[in-house]
Amino acid sequence: MKIHKSITVDRLLAMHEADDGGAVCYSCGVDHDGFLEPDAERVKCHACGDHAVYGYLNLLVEWSTCGCGYCEE
């Protein structure tokens, strides 16, 4: 699944530092309202309806192992 362009490493790291259950939708990039575990997967998005909301930890892990070149810079 392609990650929405508004989701950046800096944004995810800010979620990690806040440690307030941050999660975002892969599809539309909107922040999820309410607390989710950092490793949440495939939660329904309140904005677009896709089951594409993931906790920040899953996104960070995916980027650290994706090999895209962006993650290692």
PDB file of N, CA and C in Angstrom:
ATOM      1  N   MET A   1       0.845  -1.174   0.000  1.00  0.00           N
ATOM      2  CA  MET A   1       0.000   0.000   0.000  1.00  0.00           C
ATOM      3  C   MET A   1       0.892   1.240   0.000  1.00  0.00           C
ATOM      4  N   LYS A   2       0.541   2.197  -0.826  1.00  0.00           N
ATOM      5  CA  LYS A   2       1.296   3.437  -0.906  1.00  0.00           C
ATOM      6  C   LYS A   2       0.946   4.330   0.284  1.00  0.00           C
ATOM      7  N   ILE A   3       1.969   4.960   0.854  1.00  0.00           N
ATOM      8  CA  ILE A   3       1.773   5.854   1.993  1.00  0.00           C
ATOM      9  C   ILE A   3       1.500   7.262   1.473  1.00  0.00           C
ATOM     10  N   HIS A   4       0.470   7.908   2.013  1.00  0.00           N
ATOM     11  CA  HIS A   4       0.097   9.263   1.602  1.00  0.00           C
ATOM     12  C   HIS A   4       1.287  10.206   1.756  1.00  0.00           C
ATOM     13  N   LYS A   5       1.435  11.128   0.813  1.00  0.00           N
ATOM     14  CA  LYS A   5       2.603  12.016   0.783  1.00  0.00           C
ATOM     15  C   LYS A   5       2.706  12.957   1.981  1.00  0.00           C
ATOM     16  N   SER A   6       1.620  13.171   2.705  1.00  0.00           N
ATOM     17  CA  SER A   6       1.669  14.069   3.867  1.00  0.00           C
ATOM     18  C   SER A   6       2.273  13.400   5.103  1.00  0.00           C
ATOM     19  N   ILE A   7       2.472  12.093   5.037  1.00  0.00           N
ATOM     20  CA  ILE A   7       3.032  11.355   6.172  1.00  0.00           C
ATOM     21  C   ILE A   7       4.546  11.343   6.042  1.00  0.00           C
ATOM     22  N   THR A   8       5.194  12.038   6.964  1.00  0.00           N
ATOM     23  CA  THR A   8       6.652  12.159   6.925  1.00  0.00           C
ATOM     24  C   THR A   8       7.269  11.516   8.160  1.00  0.00           C
ATOM     25  N   VAL A   9       8.552  11.260   8.077  1.00  0.00           N
ATOM     26  CA  VAL A   9       9.271  10.696   9.219  1.00  0.00           C
ATOM     27  C   VAL A   9       9.186  11.657  10.401  1.00  0.00           C
ATOM     28  N   ASP A  10       9.341  12.946  10.154  1.00  0.00           N
ATOM     29  CA  ASP A  10       9.254  13.941  11.235  1.00  0.00           C
ATOM     30  C   ASP A  10       7.891  13.902  11.916  1.00  0.00           C
ATOM     31  N   ARG A  11       6.850  13.760  11.133  1.00  0.00           N
ATOM     32  CA  ARG A  11       5.494  13.682  11.699  1.00  0.00           C
ATOM     33  C   ARG A  11       5.340  12.453  12.580  1.00  0.00           C
ATOM     34  N   LEU A  12       5.873  11.333  12.128  1.00  0.00           N
ATOM     35  CA  LEU A  12       5.780  10.093  12.909  1.00  0.00           C
ATOM     36  C   LEU A  12       6.619  10.171  14.179  1.00  0.00           C
ATOM     37  N   LEU A  13       7.795  10.768  14.083  1.00  0.00           N
ATOM     38  CA  LEU A  13       8.639  10.914  15.274  1.00  0.00           C
ATOM     39  C   LEU A  13       7.971  11.823  16.299  1.00  0.00           C
ATOM     40  N   ALA A  14       7.257  12.848  15.847  1.00  0.00           N
ATOM     41  CA  ALA A  14       6.517  13.722  16.764  1.00  0.00           C
ATOM     42  C   ALA A  14       5.422  12.921  17.479  1.00  0.00           C
ATOM     43  N   MET A  15       4.764  12.014  16.758  1.00  0.00           N
ATOM     44  CA  MET A  15       3.757  11.143  17.385  1.00  0.00           C
ATOM     45  C   MET A  15       4.394  10.253  18.433  1.00  0.00           C
ATOM     46  N   HIS A  16       5.569   9.738  18.120  1.00  0.00           N
ATOM     47  CA  HIS A  16       6.288   8.876  19.056  1.00  0.00           C
ATOM     48  C   HIS A  16       6.639   9.656  20.323  1.00  0.00           C
ATOM     49  N   GLU A  17       7.130  10.865  20.161  1.00  0.00           N
ATOM     50  CA  GLU A  17       7.500  11.692  21.316  1.00  0.00           C
ATOM     51  C   GLU A  17       6.287  12.062  22.153  1.00  0.00           C
ATOM     52  N   ALA A  18       5.160  12.329  21.505  1.00  0.00           N
ATOM     53  CA  ALA A  18       3.937  12.683  22.229  1.00  0.00           C
ATOM     54  C   ALA A  18       3.366  11.471  22.963  1.00  0.00           C
ATOM     55  N   ASP A  19       3.558  10.285  22.405  1.00  0.00           N
ATOM     56  CA  ASP A  19       3.094   9.023  22.991  1.00  0.00           C
ATOM     57  C   ASP A  19       1.632   9.114  23.437  1.00  0.00           C
ATOM     58  N   ASP A  20       0.794   9.632  22.536  1.00  0.00           N
ATOM     59  CA  ASP A  20      -0.618   9.803  22.868  1.00  0.00           C
ATOM     60  C   ASP A  20      -1.549   8.972  21.985  1.00  0.00           C
ATOM     61  N   GLY A  21      -1.029   7.859  21.489  1.00  0.00           N
ATOM     62  CA  GLY A  21      -1.863   6.976  20.665  1.00  0.00           C
ATOM     63  C   GLY A  21      -2.021   7.465  19.249  1.00  0.00           C
ATOM     64  N   GLY A  22      -1.015   8.167  18.747  1.00  0.00           N
ATOM     65  CA  GLY A  22      -1.087   8.710  17.401  1.00  0.00           C
ATOM     66  C   GLY A  22      -1.150   7.633  16.330  1.00  0.00           C
ATOM     67  N   ALA A  23      -1.987   7.883  15.350  1.00  0.00           N
ATOM     68  CA  ALA A  23      -2.129   6.991  14.206  1.00  0.00           C
ATOM     69  C   ALA A  23      -2.598   7.822  13.021  1.00  0.00           C
ATOM     70  N   VAL A  24      -2.257   7.379  11.823  1.00  0.00           N
ATOM     71  CA  VAL A  24      -2.648   8.084  10.612  1.00  0.00           C
ATOM     72  C   VAL A  24      -3.143   7.107   9.557  1.00  0.00           C
ATOM     73  N   CYS A  25      -3.886   7.645   8.618  1.00  0.00           N
ATOM     74  CA  CYS A  25      -4.417   6.845   7.516  1.00  0.00           C
ATOM     75  C   CYS A  25      -3.432   6.846   6.353  1.00  0.00           C
ATOM     76  N   TYR A  26      -3.027   5.660   5.918  1.00  0.00           N
ATOM     77  CA  TYR A  26      -2.153   5.522   4.750  1.00  0.00           C
ATOM     78  C   TYR A  26      -2.793   6.152   3.518  1.00  0.00           C
ATOM     79  N   SER A  27      -4.105   6.005   3.387  1.00  0.00           N
ATOM     80  CA  SER A  27      -4.791   6.422   2.159  1.00  0.00           C
ATOM     81  C   SER A  27      -4.940   7.928   2.026  1.00  0.00           C
ATOM     82  N   CYS A  28      -5.457   8.581   3.073  1.00  0.00           N
ATOM     83  CA  CYS A  28      -5.756  10.015   2.953  1.00  0.00           C
ATOM     84  C   CYS A  28      -4.838  10.907   3.792  1.00  0.00           C
ATOM     85  N   GLY A  29      -4.066  10.335   4.712  1.00  0.00           N
ATOM     86  CA  GLY A  29      -3.107  11.101   5.496  1.00  0.00           C
ATOM     87  C   GLY A  29      -3.656  11.784   6.729  1.00  0.00           C
ATOM     88  N   VAL A  30      -4.942  11.627   7.006  1.00  0.00           N
ATOM     89  CA  VAL A  30      -5.553  12.298   8.149  1.00  0.00           C
ATOM     90  C   VAL A  30      -5.147  11.608   9.457  1.00  0.00           C
ATOM     91  N   ASP A  31      -4.995  12.415  10.528  1.00  0.00           N
ATOM     92  CA  ASP A  31      -4.725  11.855  11.854  1.00  0.00           C
ATOM     93  C   ASP A  31      -5.975  11.152  12.357  1.00  0.00           C
ATOM     94  N   HIS A  32      -5.779  10.033  13.027  1.00  0.00           N
ATOM     95  CA  HIS A  32      -6.896   9.289  13.605  1.00  0.00           C
ATOM     96  C   HIS A  32      -7.324   9.948  14.909  1.00  0.00           C
ATOM     97  N   ASP A  33      -8.614  10.126  15.077  1.00  0.00           N
ATOM     98  CA  ASP A  33      -9.144  10.674  16.330  1.00  0.00           C
ATOM     99  C   ASP A  33      -9.238   9.564  17.361  1.00  0.00           C
ATOM    100  N   GLY A  34      -8.682   9.797  18.535  1.00  0.00           N
ATOM    101  CA  GLY A  34      -8.746   8.816  19.600  1.00  0.00           C
ATOM    102  C   GLY A  34      -7.460   8.028  19.730  1.00  0.00           C
ATOM    103  N   PHE A  35      -7.350   7.307  20.818  1.00  0.00           N
ATOM    104  CA  PHE A  35      -6.135   6.552  21.124  1.00  0.00           C
ATOM    105  C   PHE A  35      -6.116   5.226  20.375  1.00  0.00           C
ATOM    106  N   LEU A  36      -4.983   4.914  19.781  1.00  0.00           N
ATOM    107  CA  LEU A  36      -4.732   3.593  19.200  1.00  0.00           C
ATOM    108  C   LEU A  36      -3.363   3.129  19.681  1.00  0.00           C
ATOM    109  N   GLU A  37      -3.210   1.842  19.809  1.00  0.00           N
ATOM    110  CA  GLU A  37      -1.899   1.296  20.145  1.00  0.00           C
ATOM    111  C   GLU A  37      -0.910   1.648  19.030  1.00  0.00           C
ATOM    112  N   PRO A  38       0.370   1.831  19.358  1.00  0.00           N
ATOM    113  CA  PRO A  38       1.362   2.196  18.343  1.00  0.00           C
ATOM    114  C   PRO A  38       1.491   1.171  17.219  1.00  0.00           C
ATOM    115  N   ASP A  39       1.104  -0.089  17.491  1.00  0.00           N
ATOM    116  CA  ASP A  39       1.216  -1.134  16.467  1.00  0.00           C
ATOM    117  C   ASP A  39      -0.132  -1.481  15.832  1.00  0.00           C
ATOM    118  N   ALA A  40      -1.111  -0.581  15.941  1.00  0.00           N
ATOM    119  CA  ALA A  40      -2.432  -0.819  15.344  1.00  0.00           C
ATOM    120  C   ALA A  40      -2.308  -0.974  13.825  1.00  0.00           C
ATOM    121  N   GLU A  41      -3.173  -1.812  13.260  1.00  0.00           N
ATOM    122  CA  GLU A  41      -3.157  -2.062  11.819  1.00  0.00           C
ATOM    123  C   GLU A  41      -4.574  -2.143  11.269  1.00  0.00           C
ATOM    124  N   ARG A  42      -4.764  -1.578  10.083  1.00  0.00           N
ATOM    125  CA  ARG A  42      -5.992  -1.723   9.302  1.00  0.00           C
ATOM    126  C   ARG A  42      -7.263  -1.306  10.047  1.00  0.00           C
ATOM    127  N   VAL A  43      -7.186  -0.202  10.776  1.00  0.00           N
ATOM    128  CA  VAL A  43      -8.357   0.355  11.459  1.00  0.00           C
ATOM    129  C   VAL A  43      -9.103   1.231  10.449  1.00  0.00           C
ATOM    130  N   LYS A  44     -10.430   1.253  10.536  1.00  0.00           N
ATOM    131  CA  LYS A  44     -11.231   2.037   9.593  1.00  0.00           C
ATOM    132  C   LYS A  44     -11.019   3.534   9.823  1.00  0.00           C
ATOM    133  N   CYS A  45     -10.761   4.259   8.754  1.00  0.00           N
ATOM    134  CA  CYS A  45     -10.550   5.701   8.808  1.00  0.00           C
ATOM    135  C   CYS A  45     -11.891   6.418   8.864  1.00  0.00           C
ATOM    136  N   HIS A  46     -12.018   7.377   9.777  1.00  0.00           N
ATOM    137  CA  HIS A  46     -13.257   8.141   9.905  1.00  0.00           C
ATOM    138  C   HIS A  46     -13.439   9.141   8.760  1.00  0.00           C
ATOM    139  N   ALA A  47     -12.359   9.467   8.053  1.00  0.00           N
ATOM    140  CA  ALA A  47     -12.448  10.454   6.974  1.00  0.00           C
ATOM    141  C   ALA A  47     -12.746   9.827   5.611  1.00  0.00           C
ATOM    142  N   CYS A  48     -11.996   8.788   5.240  1.00  0.00           N
ATOM    143  CA  CYS A  48     -12.159   8.216   3.893  1.00  0.00           C
ATOM    144  C   CYS A  48     -12.846   6.852   3.884  1.00  0.00           C
ATOM    145  N   GLY A  49     -12.943   6.214   5.046  1.00  0.00           N
ATOM    146  CA  GLY A  49     -13.618   4.925   5.135  1.00  0.00           C
ATOM    147  C   GLY A  49     -12.756   3.715   4.843  1.00  0.00           C
ATOM    148  N   ASP A  50     -11.530   3.919   4.376  1.00  0.00           N
ATOM    149  CA  ASP A  50     -10.624   2.791   4.120  1.00  0.00           C
ATOM    150  C   ASP A  50     -10.143   2.202   5.440  1.00  0.00           C
ATOM    151  N   HIS A  51      -9.854   0.936   5.421  1.00  0.00           N
ATOM    152  CA  HIS A  51      -9.243   0.274   6.581  1.00  0.00           C
ATOM    153  C   HIS A  51      -7.731   0.423   6.439  1.00  0.00           C
ATOM    154  N   ALA A  52      -7.257   1.657   6.570  1.00  0.00           N
ATOM    155  CA  ALA A  52      -5.863   1.978   6.295  1.00  0.00           C
ATOM    156  C   ALA A  52      -5.223   2.823   7.384  1.00  0.00           C
ATOM    157  N   VAL A  53      -5.806   2.827   8.592  1.00  0.00           N
ATOM    158  CA  VAL A  53      -5.216   3.571   9.702  1.00  0.00           C
ATOM    159  C   VAL A  53      -4.233   2.655  10.424  1.00  0.00           C
ATOM    160  N   TYR A  54      -3.021   3.151  10.582  1.00  0.00           N
ATOM    161  CA  TYR A  54      -1.947   2.400  11.241  1.00  0.00           C
ATOM    162  C   TYR A  54      -1.341   3.255  12.336  1.00  0.00           C
ATOM    163  N   GLY A  55      -0.904   2.606  13.411  1.00  0.00           N
ATOM    164  CA  GLY A  55      -0.187   3.296  14.468  1.00  0.00           C
ATOM    165  C   GLY A  55       1.173   3.742  13.979  1.00  0.00           C
ATOM    166  N   TYR A  56       1.711   4.785  14.618  1.00  0.00           N
ATOM    167  CA  TYR A  56       2.980   5.358  14.167  1.00  0.00           C
ATOM    168  C   TYR A  56       4.111   4.343  14.164  1.00  0.00           C
ATOM    169  N   LEU A  57       4.097   3.379  15.081  1.00  0.00           N
ATOM    170  CA  LEU A  57       5.184   2.405  15.160  1.00  0.00           C
ATOM    171  C   LEU A  57       5.236   1.548  13.897  1.00  0.00           C
ATOM    172  N   ASN A  58       4.088   1.115  13.406  1.00  0.00           N
ATOM    173  CA  ASN A  58       4.066   0.318  12.169  1.00  0.00           C
ATOM    174  C   ASN A  58       4.621   1.108  10.996  1.00  0.00           C
ATOM    175  N   LEU A  59       4.291   2.372  10.914  1.00  0.00           N
ATOM    176  CA  LEU A  59       4.795   3.200   9.827  1.00  0.00           C
ATOM    177  C   LEU A  59       6.307   3.384   9.924  1.00  0.00           C
ATOM    178  N   LEU A  60       6.809   3.626  11.126  1.00  0.00           N
ATOM    179  CA  LEU A  60       8.252   3.781  11.301  1.00  0.00           C
ATOM    180  C   LEU A  60       8.997   2.495  10.952  1.00  0.00           C
ATOM    181  N   VAL A  61       8.458   1.363  11.366  1.00  0.00           N
ATOM    182  CA  VAL A  61       9.092   0.075  11.060  1.00  0.00           C
ATOM    183  C   VAL A  61       9.078  -0.170   9.560  1.00  0.00           C
ATOM    184  N   GLU A  62       7.952   0.121   8.910  1.00  0.00           N
ATOM    185  CA  GLU A  62       7.881  -0.094   7.464  1.00  0.00           C
ATOM    186  C   GLU A  62       8.922   0.748   6.745  1.00  0.00           C
ATOM    187  N   TRP A  63       9.048   2.017   7.130  1.00  0.00           N
ATOM    188  CA  TRP A  63      10.028   2.873   6.476  1.00  0.00           C
ATOM    189  C   TRP A  63      11.455   2.443   6.764  1.00  0.00           C
ATOM    190  N   SER A  64      11.713   1.920   7.940  1.00  0.00           N
ATOM    191  CA  SER A  64      13.084   1.535   8.281  1.00  0.00           C
ATOM    192  C   SER A  64      13.515   0.274   7.555  1.00  0.00           C
ATOM    193  N   THR A  65      12.568  -0.481   7.018  1.00  0.00           N
ATOM    194  CA  THR A  65      12.891  -1.740   6.345  1.00  0.00           C
ATOM    195  C   THR A  65      12.535  -1.741   4.866  1.00  0.00           C
ATOM    196  N   CYS A  66      12.083  -0.598   4.341  1.00  0.00           N
ATOM    197  CA  CYS A  66      11.564  -0.597   2.972  1.00  0.00           C
ATOM    198  C   CYS A  66      12.645  -0.536   1.901  1.00  0.00           C
ATOM    199  N   GLY A  67      13.817   0.004   2.220  1.00  0.00           N
ATOM    200  CA  GLY A  67      14.885   0.062   1.235  1.00  0.00           C
ATOM    201  C   GLY A  67      14.695   1.114   0.159  1.00  0.00           C
ATOM    202  N   CYS A  68      13.895   2.129   0.414  1.00  0.00           N
ATOM    203  CA  CYS A  68      13.604   3.137  -0.611  1.00  0.00           C
ATOM    204  C   CYS A  68      14.725   4.149  -0.781  1.00  0.00           C
ATOM    205  N   GLY A  69      15.648   4.207   0.156  1.00  0.00           N
ATOM    206  CA  GLY A  69      16.705   5.199   0.096  1.00  0.00           C
ATOM    207  C   GLY A  69      16.374   6.435   0.915  1.00  0.00           C
ATOM    208  N   TYR A  70      15.104   6.826   0.937  1.00  0.00           N
ATOM    209  CA  TYR A  70      14.674   7.991   1.711  1.00  0.00           C
ATOM    210  C   TYR A  70      14.855   7.741   3.195  1.00  0.00           C
ATOM    211  N   CYS A  71      14.562   6.532   3.610  1.00  0.00           N
ATOM    212  CA  CYS A  71      14.574   6.189   5.039  1.00  0.00           C
ATOM    213  C   CYS A  71      15.979   6.214   5.618  1.00  0.00           C
ATOM    214  N   GLU A  72      16.970   5.972   4.797  1.00  0.00           N
ATOM    215  CA  GLU A  72      18.326   5.878   5.309  1.00  0.00           C
ATOM    216  C   GLU A  72      19.063   7.202   5.279  1.00  0.00           C
ATOM    217  N   GLU A  73      18.442   8.244   4.701  1.00  0.00           N
ATOM    218  CA  GLU A  73      19.118   9.544   4.607  1.00  0.00           C
ATOM    219  C   GLU A  73      19.074  10.278   5.928  1.00  0.00           C
TER     220      GLU A  73
END
